[in-house]
Amino acid sequence: MEMSIFYVVYFVVFPFFFVNIFVALIIITFQEQGDKMMEEYSLEKNERACIDFAISAKPLTRHMPQNKQSFQYRMWQFVVSPPFEYTIMAMIALNTIVLMMKFYGASVAYENALRVFNIVF
């Protein structure tokens, strides 16, 4: 029993902590180097924040159909609407519940009903 505890601690727990310490050391070193580089540029805090924002900003692009009278535009408008998103999420949740309802020894009618529900959802 003692040997199994030693094995678990020595081969599972210790490597976990050593890897965490190694990763933390790399992250701290990387942050220190980044701070050192920022100090060399002699920018004010507000200017640094502005540069960080400009670098990390991603423009919002929406690809929508040009003609607002077309069927494609109406379909796009329907698909990007919040009610459609909530309906899809509800269908996914119901499908997950139906998939969880299987059990060993179920009747044929029950399995057929689950199969139909799975097709519907």
N, C-alpha and C. Protein backbone atom coordinates (compact mmCIF):
# COMPACT_ATOMS: atom_id res chain seq x y z
N MET A 1 0.83 -1.19 0.00
CA MET A 1 0.00 0.00 0.00
C MET A 1 0.87 1.26 0.00
N GLU A 2 1.93 1.24 0.81
CA GLU A 2 2.80 2.41 0.89
C GLU A 2 3.50 2.66 -0.44
N MET A 3 3.85 1.58 -1.13
CA MET A 3 4.53 1.74 -2.41
C MET A 3 3.61 2.36 -3.46
N SER A 4 2.34 2.02 -3.42
CA SER A 4 1.40 2.60 -4.39
C SER A 4 1.20 4.08 -4.12
N ILE A 5 1.15 4.48 -2.85
CA ILE A 5 1.03 5.90 -2.52
C ILE A 5 2.28 6.64 -2.98
N PHE A 6 3.45 6.05 -2.72
CA PHE A 6 4.70 6.66 -3.17
C PHE A 6 4.70 6.81 -4.69
N TYR A 7 4.26 5.78 -5.41
CA TYR A 7 4.23 5.81 -6.87
C TYR A 7 3.33 6.95 -7.36
N VAL A 8 2.14 7.06 -6.79
CA VAL A 8 1.21 8.12 -7.21
C VAL A 8 1.79 9.49 -6.93
N VAL A 9 2.34 9.67 -5.75
CA VAL A 9 2.90 10.98 -5.39
C VAL A 9 4.12 11.29 -6.25
N TYR A 10 5.00 10.33 -6.43
CA TYR A 10 6.25 10.57 -7.14
C TYR A 10 6.06 10.77 -8.63
N PHE A 11 5.19 9.99 -9.25
CA PHE A 11 5.04 10.05 -10.70
C PHE A 11 3.87 10.88 -11.18
N VAL A 12 2.95 11.24 -10.32
CA VAL A 12 1.78 12.02 -10.75
C VAL A 12 1.79 13.42 -10.13
N VAL A 13 1.93 13.50 -8.84
CA VAL A 13 1.79 14.80 -8.16
C VAL A 13 3.02 15.67 -8.37
N PHE A 14 4.21 15.17 -8.15
CA PHE A 14 5.41 15.98 -8.30
C PHE A 14 5.58 16.54 -9.71
N PRO A 15 5.45 15.74 -10.76
CA PRO A 15 5.58 16.33 -12.10
C PRO A 15 4.56 17.43 -12.37
N PHE A 16 3.37 17.29 -11.84
CA PHE A 16 2.35 18.33 -12.02
C PHE A 16 2.84 19.65 -11.44
N PHE A 17 3.37 19.63 -10.22
CA PHE A 17 3.86 20.86 -9.60
C PHE A 17 5.09 21.40 -10.31
N PHE A 18 5.98 20.54 -10.75
CA PHE A 18 7.17 21.01 -11.45
C PHE A 18 6.82 21.66 -12.78
N VAL A 19 5.87 21.10 -13.50
CA VAL A 19 5.45 21.71 -14.76
C VAL A 19 4.79 23.06 -14.49
N ASN A 20 3.97 23.16 -13.45
CA ASN A 20 3.34 24.44 -13.12
C ASN A 20 4.38 25.49 -12.75
N ILE A 21 5.38 25.11 -11.99
CA ILE A 21 6.44 26.05 -11.62
C ILE A 21 7.21 26.49 -12.86
N PHE A 22 7.51 25.58 -13.76
CA PHE A 22 8.23 25.90 -14.98
C PHE A 22 7.43 26.87 -15.85
N VAL A 23 6.14 26.61 -16.02
CA VAL A 23 5.29 27.50 -16.82
C VAL A 23 5.19 28.87 -16.17
N ALA A 24 5.04 28.92 -14.86
CA ALA A 24 4.96 30.20 -14.16
C ALA A 24 6.25 30.99 -14.33
N LEU A 25 7.39 30.33 -14.28
CA LEU A 25 8.67 31.00 -14.47
C LEU A 25 8.77 31.59 -15.88
N ILE A 26 8.33 30.85 -16.88
CA ILE A 26 8.36 31.37 -18.25
C ILE A 26 7.44 32.58 -18.39
N ILE A 27 6.25 32.51 -17.82
CA ILE A 27 5.31 33.63 -17.92
C ILE A 27 5.86 34.87 -17.23
N ILE A 28 6.41 34.70 -16.05
CA ILE A 28 6.97 35.85 -15.32
C ILE A 28 8.12 36.47 -16.09
N THR A 29 9.00 35.64 -16.64
CA THR A 29 10.12 36.16 -17.43
C THR A 29 9.62 36.91 -18.65
N PHE A 30 8.63 36.39 -19.32
CA PHE A 30 8.07 37.04 -20.50
C PHE A 30 7.46 38.40 -20.13
N GLN A 31 6.73 38.46 -19.01
CA GLN A 31 6.14 39.73 -18.58
C GLN A 31 7.21 40.75 -18.21
N GLU A 32 8.26 40.31 -17.54
CA GLU A 32 9.34 41.23 -17.18
C GLU A 32 10.01 41.80 -18.42
N GLN A 33 10.25 40.96 -19.42
CA GLN A 33 10.86 41.44 -20.66
C GLN A 33 9.94 42.43 -21.37
N GLY A 34 8.64 42.16 -21.37
CA GLY A 34 7.69 43.08 -21.99
C GLY A 34 7.65 44.42 -21.27
N ASP A 35 7.67 44.40 -19.94
CA ASP A 35 7.70 45.65 -19.17
C ASP A 35 8.98 46.42 -19.43
N LYS A 36 10.10 45.70 -19.53
CA LYS A 36 11.38 46.35 -19.79
C LYS A 36 11.37 47.02 -21.16
N MET A 37 10.79 46.37 -22.16
CA MET A 37 10.72 46.96 -23.50
C MET A 37 9.82 48.19 -23.51
N MET A 38 8.72 48.15 -22.76
CA MET A 38 7.81 49.30 -22.73
C MET A 38 8.47 50.51 -22.06
N GLU A 39 9.32 50.26 -21.06
CA GLU A 39 10.00 51.36 -20.39
C GLU A 39 11.02 52.02 -21.31
N GLU A 40 11.60 51.25 -22.22
CA GLU A 40 12.60 51.80 -23.13
C GLU A 40 11.99 52.78 -24.11
N TYR A 41 10.72 52.64 -24.44
CA TYR A 41 10.10 53.52 -25.42
C TYR A 41 9.67 54.85 -24.83
N SER A 42 9.71 54.99 -23.55
CA SER A 42 9.38 56.21 -22.80
C SER A 42 8.03 56.80 -23.23
N LEU A 43 7.03 55.96 -23.31
CA LEU A 43 5.68 56.42 -23.60
C LEU A 43 4.92 56.60 -22.30
N GLU A 44 3.98 57.52 -22.33
CA GLU A 44 3.14 57.70 -21.16
C GLU A 44 2.17 56.53 -21.06
N LYS A 45 1.56 56.40 -19.88
CA LYS A 45 0.65 55.29 -19.66
C LYS A 45 -0.54 55.35 -20.61
N ASN A 46 -1.07 56.54 -20.85
CA ASN A 46 -2.21 56.70 -21.75
C ASN A 46 -1.83 56.34 -23.19
N GLU A 47 -0.63 56.73 -23.61
CA GLU A 47 -0.18 56.40 -24.96
C GLU A 47 -0.01 54.89 -25.13
N ARG A 48 0.53 54.23 -24.08
CA ARG A 48 0.68 52.78 -24.12
C ARG A 48 -0.68 52.09 -24.22
N ALA A 49 -1.64 52.59 -23.45
CA ALA A 49 -2.99 52.01 -23.50
C ALA A 49 -3.61 52.19 -24.88
N CYS A 50 -3.37 53.34 -25.50
CA CYS A 50 -3.89 53.61 -26.83
C CYS A 50 -3.27 52.66 -27.85
N ILE A 51 -1.97 52.44 -27.75
CA ILE A 51 -1.29 51.53 -28.68
C ILE A 51 -1.77 50.10 -28.47
N ASP A 52 -1.91 49.69 -27.20
CA ASP A 52 -2.42 48.34 -26.92
C ASP A 52 -3.82 48.15 -27.49
N PHE A 53 -4.66 49.18 -27.35
CA PHE A 53 -6.02 49.09 -27.89
C PHE A 53 -6.01 48.99 -29.41
N ALA A 54 -5.16 49.80 -30.05
CA ALA A 54 -5.09 49.78 -31.51
C ALA A 54 -4.58 48.44 -32.03
N ILE A 55 -3.66 47.83 -31.30
CA ILE A 55 -3.12 46.54 -31.73
C ILE A 55 -4.16 45.43 -31.55
N SER A 56 -4.87 45.46 -30.44
CA SER A 56 -5.81 44.37 -30.15
C SER A 56 -7.20 44.58 -30.74
N ALA A 57 -7.49 45.74 -31.31
CA ALA A 57 -8.82 46.01 -31.85
C ALA A 57 -9.05 45.19 -33.11
N LYS A 58 -10.23 44.62 -33.19
CA LYS A 58 -10.61 43.86 -34.38
C LYS A 58 -11.88 44.50 -34.93
N PRO A 59 -11.86 44.90 -36.18
CA PRO A 59 -13.06 45.53 -36.73
C PRO A 59 -14.20 44.53 -36.85
N LEU A 60 -15.40 45.02 -36.61
CA LEU A 60 -16.59 44.19 -36.71
C LEU A 60 -17.04 44.16 -38.17
N THR A 61 -17.03 42.98 -38.73
CA THR A 61 -17.46 42.86 -40.13
C THR A 61 -18.71 42.01 -40.18
N ARG A 62 -19.70 42.50 -40.90
CA ARG A 62 -20.93 41.75 -41.12
C ARG A 62 -21.11 41.61 -42.61
N HIS A 63 -21.19 40.40 -43.04
CA HIS A 63 -21.39 40.14 -44.46
C HIS A 63 -22.88 39.99 -44.69
N MET A 64 -23.48 41.05 -45.19
CA MET A 64 -24.91 41.01 -45.43
C MET A 64 -25.18 41.22 -46.91
N PRO A 65 -26.28 40.69 -47.41
CA PRO A 65 -26.61 40.86 -48.83
C PRO A 65 -26.84 42.33 -49.18
N GLN A 66 -26.50 42.70 -50.39
CA GLN A 66 -26.61 44.09 -50.83
C GLN A 66 -28.07 44.51 -51.04
N ASN A 67 -28.83 43.67 -51.71
CA ASN A 67 -30.20 44.02 -52.06
C ASN A 67 -31.13 43.71 -50.89
N LYS A 68 -31.72 44.74 -50.30
CA LYS A 68 -32.57 44.55 -49.13
C LYS A 68 -33.95 44.01 -49.48
N GLN A 69 -34.29 43.95 -50.74
CA GLN A 69 -35.59 43.42 -51.16
C GLN A 69 -35.52 41.94 -51.52
N SER A 70 -34.35 41.35 -51.50
CA SER A 70 -34.18 39.97 -51.96
C SER A 70 -34.56 38.97 -50.86
N PHE A 71 -34.83 37.76 -51.30
CA PHE A 71 -35.11 36.65 -50.38
C PHE A 71 -33.88 36.35 -49.52
N GLN A 72 -32.71 36.48 -50.12
CA GLN A 72 -31.46 36.21 -49.40
C GLN A 72 -31.30 37.16 -48.22
N TYR A 73 -31.65 38.44 -48.40
CA TYR A 73 -31.54 39.40 -47.31
C TYR A 73 -32.54 39.07 -46.20
N ARG A 74 -33.77 38.71 -46.56
CA ARG A 74 -34.77 38.36 -45.54
C ARG A 74 -34.34 37.12 -44.77
N MET A 75 -33.77 36.15 -45.47
CA MET A 75 -33.28 34.95 -44.80
C MET A 75 -32.11 35.29 -43.88
N TRP A 76 -31.21 36.15 -44.32
CA TRP A 76 -30.08 36.56 -43.49
C TRP A 76 -30.59 37.27 -42.24
N GLN A 77 -31.57 38.14 -42.40
CA GLN A 77 -32.13 38.88 -41.27
C GLN A 77 -32.76 37.92 -40.26
N PHE A 78 -33.42 36.89 -40.75
CA PHE A 78 -34.04 35.90 -39.88
C PHE A 78 -32.97 35.09 -39.12
N VAL A 79 -31.92 34.71 -39.81
CA VAL A 79 -30.89 33.86 -39.21
C VAL A 79 -30.08 34.61 -38.15
N VAL A 80 -29.85 35.90 -38.31
CA VAL A 80 -29.05 36.64 -37.33
C VAL A 80 -29.89 37.20 -36.19
N SER A 81 -31.19 36.94 -36.18
CA SER A 81 -32.05 37.46 -35.12
C SER A 81 -31.87 36.66 -33.83
N PRO A 82 -31.98 37.31 -32.67
CA PRO A 82 -31.85 36.60 -31.39
C PRO A 82 -32.87 35.47 -31.19
N PRO A 83 -34.14 35.63 -31.58
CA PRO A 83 -35.06 34.49 -31.40
C PRO A 83 -34.61 33.23 -32.13
N PHE A 84 -34.04 33.38 -33.31
CA PHE A 84 -33.54 32.22 -34.05
C PHE A 84 -32.40 31.56 -33.28
N GLU A 85 -31.52 32.36 -32.73
CA GLU A 85 -30.39 31.82 -31.95
C GLU A 85 -30.89 31.06 -30.73
N TYR A 86 -31.87 31.64 -30.01
CA TYR A 86 -32.41 30.97 -28.83
C TYR A 86 -33.14 29.68 -29.20
N THR A 87 -33.82 29.68 -30.34
CA THR A 87 -34.50 28.48 -30.80
C THR A 87 -33.50 27.37 -31.10
N ILE A 88 -32.42 27.71 -31.76
CA ILE A 88 -31.39 26.71 -32.07
C ILE A 88 -30.77 26.16 -30.78
N MET A 89 -30.50 27.05 -29.82
CA MET A 89 -29.93 26.59 -28.54
C MET A 89 -30.90 25.66 -27.82
N ALA A 90 -32.19 25.97 -27.85
CA ALA A 90 -33.19 25.11 -27.22
C ALA A 90 -33.25 23.76 -27.92
N MET A 91 -33.16 23.75 -29.24
CA MET A 91 -33.18 22.48 -29.98
C MET A 91 -31.96 21.63 -29.62
N ILE A 92 -30.80 22.27 -29.48
CA ILE A 92 -29.59 21.53 -29.09
C ILE A 92 -29.75 20.94 -27.70
N ALA A 93 -30.30 21.74 -26.76
CA ALA A 93 -30.50 21.26 -25.39
C ALA A 93 -31.49 20.09 -25.37
N LEU A 94 -32.59 20.20 -26.12
CA LEU A 94 -33.57 19.12 -26.17
C LEU A 94 -32.97 17.86 -26.81
N ASN A 95 -32.16 18.03 -27.83
CA ASN A 95 -31.51 16.88 -28.45
C ASN A 95 -30.57 16.20 -27.45
N THR A 96 -29.86 16.98 -26.67
CA THR A 96 -28.97 16.42 -25.65
C THR A 96 -29.77 15.62 -24.63
N ILE A 97 -30.91 16.16 -24.21
CA ILE A 97 -31.76 15.45 -23.24
C ILE A 97 -32.29 14.15 -23.84
N VAL A 98 -32.73 14.20 -25.09
CA VAL A 98 -33.23 12.99 -25.75
C VAL A 98 -32.13 11.94 -25.85
N LEU A 99 -30.91 12.36 -26.18
CA LEU A 99 -29.81 11.41 -26.27
C LEU A 99 -29.45 10.81 -24.91
N MET A 100 -29.73 11.53 -23.83
CA MET A 100 -29.43 11.02 -22.49
C MET A 100 -30.51 10.05 -21.99
N MET A 101 -31.63 9.95 -22.67
CA MET A 101 -32.76 9.16 -22.17
C MET A 101 -32.66 7.68 -22.53
N LYS A 102 -31.64 7.27 -23.25
CA LYS A 102 -31.50 5.85 -23.58
C LYS A 102 -31.12 5.06 -22.34
N PHE A 103 -31.65 3.84 -22.24
CA PHE A 103 -31.23 2.95 -21.17
C PHE A 103 -31.41 1.50 -21.62
N TYR A 104 -30.69 0.63 -20.95
CA TYR A 104 -30.72 -0.79 -21.30
C TYR A 104 -32.06 -1.38 -20.88
N GLY A 105 -32.65 -2.16 -21.75
CA GLY A 105 -33.91 -2.82 -21.43
C GLY A 105 -35.13 -1.98 -21.76
N ALA A 106 -34.96 -0.94 -22.54
CA ALA A 106 -36.10 -0.09 -22.90
C ALA A 106 -36.99 -0.82 -23.90
N SER A 107 -38.26 -0.48 -23.87
CA SER A 107 -39.20 -1.13 -24.80
C SER A 107 -38.95 -0.64 -26.22
N VAL A 108 -39.46 -1.38 -27.17
CA VAL A 108 -39.28 -1.04 -28.58
C VAL A 108 -39.99 0.28 -28.90
N ALA A 109 -41.18 0.47 -28.33
CA ALA A 109 -41.92 1.72 -28.57
C ALA A 109 -41.14 2.92 -28.03
N TYR A 110 -40.54 2.76 -26.85
CA TYR A 110 -39.75 3.84 -26.26
C TYR A 110 -38.55 4.17 -27.14
N GLU A 111 -37.85 3.15 -27.63
CA GLU A 111 -36.69 3.39 -28.50
C GLU A 111 -37.10 4.02 -29.81
N ASN A 112 -38.24 3.60 -30.37
CA ASN A 112 -38.73 4.23 -31.60
C ASN A 112 -39.09 5.69 -31.37
N ALA A 113 -39.69 5.99 -30.22
CA ALA A 113 -40.03 7.38 -29.90
C ALA A 113 -38.76 8.21 -29.77
N LEU A 114 -37.74 7.68 -29.12
CA LEU A 114 -36.47 8.40 -29.00
C LEU A 114 -35.83 8.61 -30.36
N ARG A 115 -35.92 7.62 -31.23
CA ARG A 115 -35.36 7.74 -32.57
C ARG A 115 -36.07 8.86 -33.35
N VAL A 116 -37.40 8.93 -33.22
CA VAL A 116 -38.17 9.99 -33.89
C VAL A 116 -37.80 11.35 -33.31
N PHE A 117 -37.71 11.45 -31.98
CA PHE A 117 -37.32 12.72 -31.36
C PHE A 117 -35.93 13.15 -31.81
N ASN A 118 -35.02 12.19 -31.94
CA ASN A 118 -33.67 12.52 -32.38
C ASN A 118 -33.68 13.05 -33.80
N ILE A 119 -34.55 12.50 -34.65
CA ILE A 119 -34.66 13.01 -36.02
C ILE A 119 -35.26 14.41 -36.02
N VAL A 120 -36.27 14.63 -35.18
CA VAL A 120 -36.94 15.94 -35.12
C VAL A 120 -35.98 17.01 -34.60
N PHE A 121 -35.24 16.68 -33.56
CA PHE A 121 -34.34 17.68 -32.99
C PHE A 121 -33.02 17.66 -33.71
